[in-house]
N, C-alpha and C. Protein backbone atom coordinates (compact mmCIF):
# COMPACT_ATOMS: atom_id res chain seq x y z
N MET A 1 7.50 4.45 -13.32
CA MET A 1 6.64 4.16 -12.19
C MET A 1 6.84 2.69 -11.80
N PRO A 2 6.93 2.40 -10.53
CA PRO A 2 7.21 1.03 -10.07
C PRO A 2 5.95 0.15 -10.00
N VAL A 3 5.31 -0.06 -11.15
CA VAL A 3 4.05 -0.81 -11.17
C VAL A 3 4.15 -1.94 -12.19
N GLU A 4 3.61 -3.09 -11.83
CA GLU A 4 3.53 -4.20 -12.76
C GLU A 4 2.28 -5.01 -12.45
N THR A 5 1.88 -5.83 -13.40
CA THR A 5 0.73 -6.71 -13.18
C THR A 5 1.24 -8.12 -12.94
N VAL A 6 0.80 -8.71 -11.84
CA VAL A 6 1.16 -10.08 -11.49
C VAL A 6 -0.13 -10.84 -11.24
N SER A 7 -0.35 -11.89 -12.02
CA SER A 7 -1.60 -12.66 -11.95
C SER A 7 -2.78 -11.71 -12.11
N ASP A 8 -3.61 -11.62 -11.08
CA ASP A 8 -4.82 -10.80 -11.15
C ASP A 8 -4.66 -9.47 -10.42
N ALA A 9 -3.43 -9.08 -10.11
CA ALA A 9 -3.23 -7.89 -9.28
C ALA A 9 -2.30 -6.88 -9.94
N VAL A 10 -2.57 -5.61 -9.64
CA VAL A 10 -1.64 -4.54 -9.98
C VAL A 10 -0.74 -4.40 -8.76
N VAL A 11 0.59 -4.50 -8.97
CA VAL A 11 1.54 -4.47 -7.86
C VAL A 11 2.37 -3.19 -7.94
N PHE A 12 2.37 -2.45 -6.83
CA PHE A 12 3.13 -1.22 -6.71
C PHE A 12 4.28 -1.48 -5.75
N ARG A 13 5.50 -1.29 -6.22
CA ARG A 13 6.68 -1.50 -5.38
C ARG A 13 7.39 -0.16 -5.18
N THR A 14 7.78 0.08 -3.95
CA THR A 14 8.54 1.29 -3.68
C THR A 14 9.74 0.96 -2.81
N THR A 15 10.83 1.66 -3.02
CA THR A 15 12.01 1.50 -2.18
C THR A 15 12.13 2.70 -1.24
N SER A 16 11.24 3.66 -1.41
CA SER A 16 11.27 4.86 -0.57
C SER A 16 10.60 4.58 0.77
N ASN A 17 11.12 5.22 1.81
CA ASN A 17 10.40 5.21 3.07
C ASN A 17 9.10 5.98 2.86
N ILE A 18 8.05 5.58 3.54
CA ILE A 18 6.76 6.23 3.35
C ILE A 18 6.58 7.20 4.51
N VAL A 19 7.15 8.37 4.32
CA VAL A 19 7.21 9.41 5.35
C VAL A 19 6.82 10.75 4.73
N ALA A 20 6.63 11.73 5.58
CA ALA A 20 6.15 13.04 5.14
C ALA A 20 6.92 13.60 3.95
N SER A 21 8.23 13.43 3.93
CA SER A 21 9.05 14.02 2.86
C SER A 21 8.86 13.33 1.51
N THR A 22 8.31 12.12 1.49
CA THR A 22 8.12 11.41 0.22
C THR A 22 6.64 11.25 -0.15
N ILE A 23 5.76 11.68 0.71
CA ILE A 23 4.33 11.42 0.54
C ILE A 23 3.77 11.98 -0.76
N GLU A 24 4.08 13.20 -1.09
CA GLU A 24 3.46 13.81 -2.28
C GLU A 24 3.80 13.05 -3.55
N THR A 25 5.05 12.68 -3.72
CA THR A 25 5.45 11.91 -4.90
C THR A 25 4.77 10.54 -4.90
N LEU A 26 4.82 9.86 -3.76
CA LEU A 26 4.19 8.54 -3.67
C LEU A 26 2.68 8.61 -3.89
N ARG A 27 2.05 9.64 -3.35
CA ARG A 27 0.60 9.80 -3.52
C ARG A 27 0.25 9.90 -5.00
N LYS A 28 0.98 10.71 -5.73
CA LYS A 28 0.72 10.87 -7.16
C LYS A 28 0.92 9.56 -7.90
N GLU A 29 2.01 8.85 -7.59
CA GLU A 29 2.29 7.57 -8.25
C GLU A 29 1.21 6.53 -7.92
N LEU A 30 0.84 6.48 -6.64
CA LEU A 30 -0.19 5.51 -6.23
C LEU A 30 -1.54 5.81 -6.87
N LEU A 31 -1.94 7.07 -6.88
CA LEU A 31 -3.24 7.41 -7.49
C LEU A 31 -3.26 7.09 -8.97
N ALA A 32 -2.15 7.34 -9.66
CA ALA A 32 -2.06 7.00 -11.07
C ALA A 32 -2.18 5.49 -11.27
N ALA A 33 -1.53 4.72 -10.41
CA ALA A 33 -1.60 3.26 -10.51
C ALA A 33 -2.99 2.74 -10.17
N ILE A 34 -3.62 3.35 -9.19
CA ILE A 34 -4.98 2.93 -8.80
C ILE A 34 -5.96 3.22 -9.92
N GLU A 35 -5.77 4.31 -10.65
CA GLU A 35 -6.64 4.63 -11.78
C GLU A 35 -6.67 3.50 -12.79
N GLY A 36 -5.57 2.77 -12.92
CA GLY A 36 -5.50 1.67 -13.87
C GLY A 36 -5.91 0.34 -13.28
N SER A 37 -6.44 0.36 -12.06
CA SER A 37 -6.79 -0.88 -11.38
C SER A 37 -8.28 -0.94 -11.10
N SER A 38 -8.85 -2.11 -11.27
CA SER A 38 -10.27 -2.26 -10.94
C SER A 38 -10.49 -3.44 -10.02
N GLY A 39 -9.42 -4.09 -9.63
CA GLY A 39 -9.56 -5.27 -8.78
C GLY A 39 -8.61 -5.24 -7.62
N ARG A 40 -7.76 -6.22 -7.56
CA ARG A 40 -6.80 -6.34 -6.47
C ARG A 40 -5.59 -5.44 -6.74
N PHE A 41 -5.22 -4.68 -5.72
CA PHE A 41 -4.09 -3.77 -5.80
C PHE A 41 -3.15 -4.10 -4.65
N VAL A 42 -1.89 -4.32 -4.96
CA VAL A 42 -0.91 -4.74 -3.96
C VAL A 42 0.15 -3.65 -3.81
N ILE A 43 0.44 -3.28 -2.57
CA ILE A 43 1.56 -2.39 -2.28
C ILE A 43 2.61 -3.24 -1.59
N ASP A 44 3.76 -3.37 -2.24
CA ASP A 44 4.86 -4.20 -1.72
C ASP A 44 5.79 -3.33 -0.88
N LEU A 45 5.83 -3.62 0.42
CA LEU A 45 6.65 -2.83 1.35
C LEU A 45 7.93 -3.56 1.75
N GLN A 46 8.33 -4.57 1.01
CA GLN A 46 9.47 -5.40 1.38
C GLN A 46 10.76 -4.60 1.55
N THR A 47 10.94 -3.53 0.80
CA THR A 47 12.19 -2.77 0.91
C THR A 47 12.00 -1.42 1.61
N VAL A 48 10.85 -1.23 2.22
CA VAL A 48 10.57 0.02 2.95
C VAL A 48 11.04 -0.14 4.39
N GLY A 49 11.76 0.85 4.89
CA GLY A 49 12.28 0.77 6.24
C GLY A 49 11.45 1.51 7.28
N ILE A 50 10.76 2.59 6.84
CA ILE A 50 10.02 3.43 7.79
C ILE A 50 8.68 3.84 7.19
N ILE A 51 7.65 3.81 8.03
CA ILE A 51 6.34 4.37 7.68
C ILE A 51 5.93 5.25 8.85
N ASP A 52 5.65 6.53 8.56
CA ASP A 52 5.21 7.42 9.64
C ASP A 52 3.69 7.61 9.56
N SER A 53 3.16 8.52 10.36
CA SER A 53 1.71 8.72 10.41
C SER A 53 1.15 9.19 9.06
N LYS A 54 1.92 9.99 8.34
CA LYS A 54 1.49 10.43 7.00
C LYS A 54 1.44 9.23 6.05
N GLY A 55 2.39 8.31 6.22
CA GLY A 55 2.40 7.10 5.42
C GLY A 55 1.20 6.22 5.70
N LEU A 56 0.83 6.10 6.97
CA LEU A 56 -0.37 5.33 7.33
C LEU A 56 -1.61 5.96 6.72
N ALA A 57 -1.67 7.28 6.74
CA ALA A 57 -2.81 7.98 6.14
C ALA A 57 -2.85 7.73 4.63
N LEU A 58 -1.69 7.67 4.00
CA LEU A 58 -1.62 7.38 2.56
C LEU A 58 -2.15 5.98 2.26
N LEU A 59 -1.80 5.00 3.08
CA LEU A 59 -2.31 3.65 2.89
C LEU A 59 -3.83 3.61 3.03
N MET A 60 -4.36 4.34 4.00
CA MET A 60 -5.82 4.39 4.17
C MET A 60 -6.49 5.09 2.99
N MET A 61 -5.85 6.13 2.45
CA MET A 61 -6.38 6.80 1.27
C MET A 61 -6.45 5.82 0.10
N CYS A 62 -5.42 5.02 -0.06
CA CYS A 62 -5.40 4.00 -1.12
C CYS A 62 -6.53 3.01 -0.91
N HIS A 63 -6.68 2.54 0.31
CA HIS A 63 -7.76 1.59 0.62
C HIS A 63 -9.12 2.18 0.25
N LYS A 64 -9.37 3.41 0.66
CA LYS A 64 -10.67 4.05 0.39
C LYS A 64 -10.88 4.27 -1.10
N SER A 65 -9.85 4.68 -1.81
CA SER A 65 -9.97 4.88 -3.26
C SER A 65 -10.29 3.57 -3.97
N LEU A 66 -9.62 2.52 -3.56
CA LEU A 66 -9.87 1.20 -4.16
C LEU A 66 -11.25 0.68 -3.80
N GLN A 67 -11.63 0.84 -2.55
CA GLN A 67 -12.94 0.37 -2.10
C GLN A 67 -14.06 1.06 -2.88
N ALA A 68 -13.90 2.34 -3.16
CA ALA A 68 -14.90 3.09 -3.92
C ALA A 68 -15.04 2.56 -5.35
N ARG A 69 -13.98 1.94 -5.86
CA ARG A 69 -13.98 1.38 -7.22
C ARG A 69 -14.33 -0.11 -7.23
N GLY A 70 -14.58 -0.67 -6.04
CA GLY A 70 -14.86 -2.09 -5.94
C GLY A 70 -13.61 -2.93 -5.87
N GLY A 71 -12.47 -2.29 -5.61
CA GLY A 71 -11.20 -3.00 -5.53
C GLY A 71 -10.82 -3.33 -4.11
N LYS A 72 -9.68 -3.99 -3.98
CA LYS A 72 -9.22 -4.45 -2.68
C LYS A 72 -7.72 -4.19 -2.55
N LEU A 73 -7.30 -3.67 -1.39
CA LEU A 73 -5.89 -3.42 -1.13
C LEU A 73 -5.27 -4.57 -0.35
N THR A 74 -4.10 -4.99 -0.80
CA THR A 74 -3.28 -5.96 -0.08
C THR A 74 -1.91 -5.34 0.11
N VAL A 75 -1.36 -5.48 1.31
CA VAL A 75 -0.04 -4.98 1.63
C VAL A 75 0.89 -6.17 1.88
N VAL A 76 2.06 -6.15 1.24
CA VAL A 76 3.04 -7.23 1.41
C VAL A 76 4.17 -6.72 2.30
N THR A 77 4.38 -7.42 3.42
CA THR A 77 5.50 -7.08 4.31
C THR A 77 5.85 -8.28 5.17
N THR A 78 7.13 -8.44 5.43
CA THR A 78 7.57 -9.46 6.38
C THR A 78 8.04 -8.79 7.67
N SER A 79 7.95 -7.47 7.72
CA SER A 79 8.39 -6.72 8.90
C SER A 79 7.43 -6.94 10.07
N LYS A 80 7.97 -7.48 11.16
CA LYS A 80 7.16 -7.67 12.37
C LYS A 80 6.72 -6.32 12.93
N ASP A 81 7.59 -5.31 12.81
CA ASP A 81 7.25 -3.97 13.30
C ASP A 81 6.06 -3.39 12.53
N PHE A 82 6.08 -3.52 11.20
CA PHE A 82 4.97 -3.01 10.40
C PHE A 82 3.69 -3.76 10.72
N ARG A 83 3.77 -5.08 10.82
CA ARG A 83 2.59 -5.89 11.13
C ARG A 83 1.99 -5.47 12.48
N GLN A 84 2.85 -5.29 13.46
CA GLN A 84 2.38 -4.88 14.78
C GLN A 84 1.74 -3.49 14.72
N MET A 85 2.37 -2.59 13.99
CA MET A 85 1.82 -1.24 13.85
C MET A 85 0.44 -1.29 13.18
N PHE A 86 0.30 -2.10 12.12
CA PHE A 86 -0.99 -2.21 11.43
C PHE A 86 -2.05 -2.79 12.37
N GLN A 87 -1.66 -3.73 13.22
CA GLN A 87 -2.61 -4.31 14.16
C GLN A 87 -3.01 -3.31 15.24
N VAL A 88 -2.03 -2.61 15.80
CA VAL A 88 -2.32 -1.62 16.84
C VAL A 88 -3.23 -0.51 16.29
N MET A 89 -2.97 -0.09 15.05
CA MET A 89 -3.77 0.97 14.43
C MET A 89 -5.07 0.42 13.82
N ARG A 90 -5.24 -0.90 13.89
CA ARG A 90 -6.42 -1.61 13.36
C ARG A 90 -6.56 -1.50 11.84
N LEU A 91 -5.46 -1.24 11.18
CA LEU A 91 -5.48 -1.17 9.73
C LEU A 91 -5.65 -2.55 9.12
N ASP A 92 -5.25 -3.58 9.86
CA ASP A 92 -5.41 -4.95 9.38
C ASP A 92 -6.89 -5.33 9.23
N GLN A 93 -7.78 -4.53 9.77
CA GLN A 93 -9.22 -4.76 9.61
C GLN A 93 -9.74 -4.11 8.32
N HIS A 94 -8.92 -3.29 7.69
CA HIS A 94 -9.32 -2.59 6.48
C HIS A 94 -8.72 -3.19 5.21
N PHE A 95 -7.49 -3.70 5.33
CA PHE A 95 -6.87 -4.32 4.16
C PHE A 95 -6.08 -5.55 4.58
N GLU A 96 -5.85 -6.40 3.60
CA GLU A 96 -5.14 -7.66 3.85
C GLU A 96 -3.64 -7.41 3.94
N ILE A 97 -2.98 -8.12 4.88
CA ILE A 97 -1.53 -8.02 5.05
C ILE A 97 -0.98 -9.42 4.88
N VAL A 98 -0.06 -9.57 3.93
CA VAL A 98 0.51 -10.89 3.62
C VAL A 98 2.04 -10.82 3.62
N ASP A 99 2.66 -12.00 3.71
CA ASP A 99 4.13 -12.09 3.71
C ASP A 99 4.73 -12.04 2.32
N HIS A 100 3.98 -12.50 1.33
CA HIS A 100 4.47 -12.55 -0.05
C HIS A 100 3.30 -12.57 -1.02
N LEU A 101 3.62 -12.33 -2.27
CA LEU A 101 2.56 -12.31 -3.30
C LEU A 101 2.02 -13.66 -3.54
């Protein structure tokens, strides 16, 4: 599983595109990683090329799962396209988006 602890955060890294065909596997991996987290949880999208509507729903599911546990989701991306998409979809109001850890 692509998970490690950095400082005070559990960091999940994926190289898979976050699209319908990969959602089920990613969902299982993310939920397992969230189970081990009680604070800050980071999803690193630096090597992700595509996120579709199912992928956006997965990110919101992660946010809600973490919020219910008192945790916080942070997404790492330098992609201008992803940042714009998060802003248009207003996801930036639900979780933090940063350029680096």
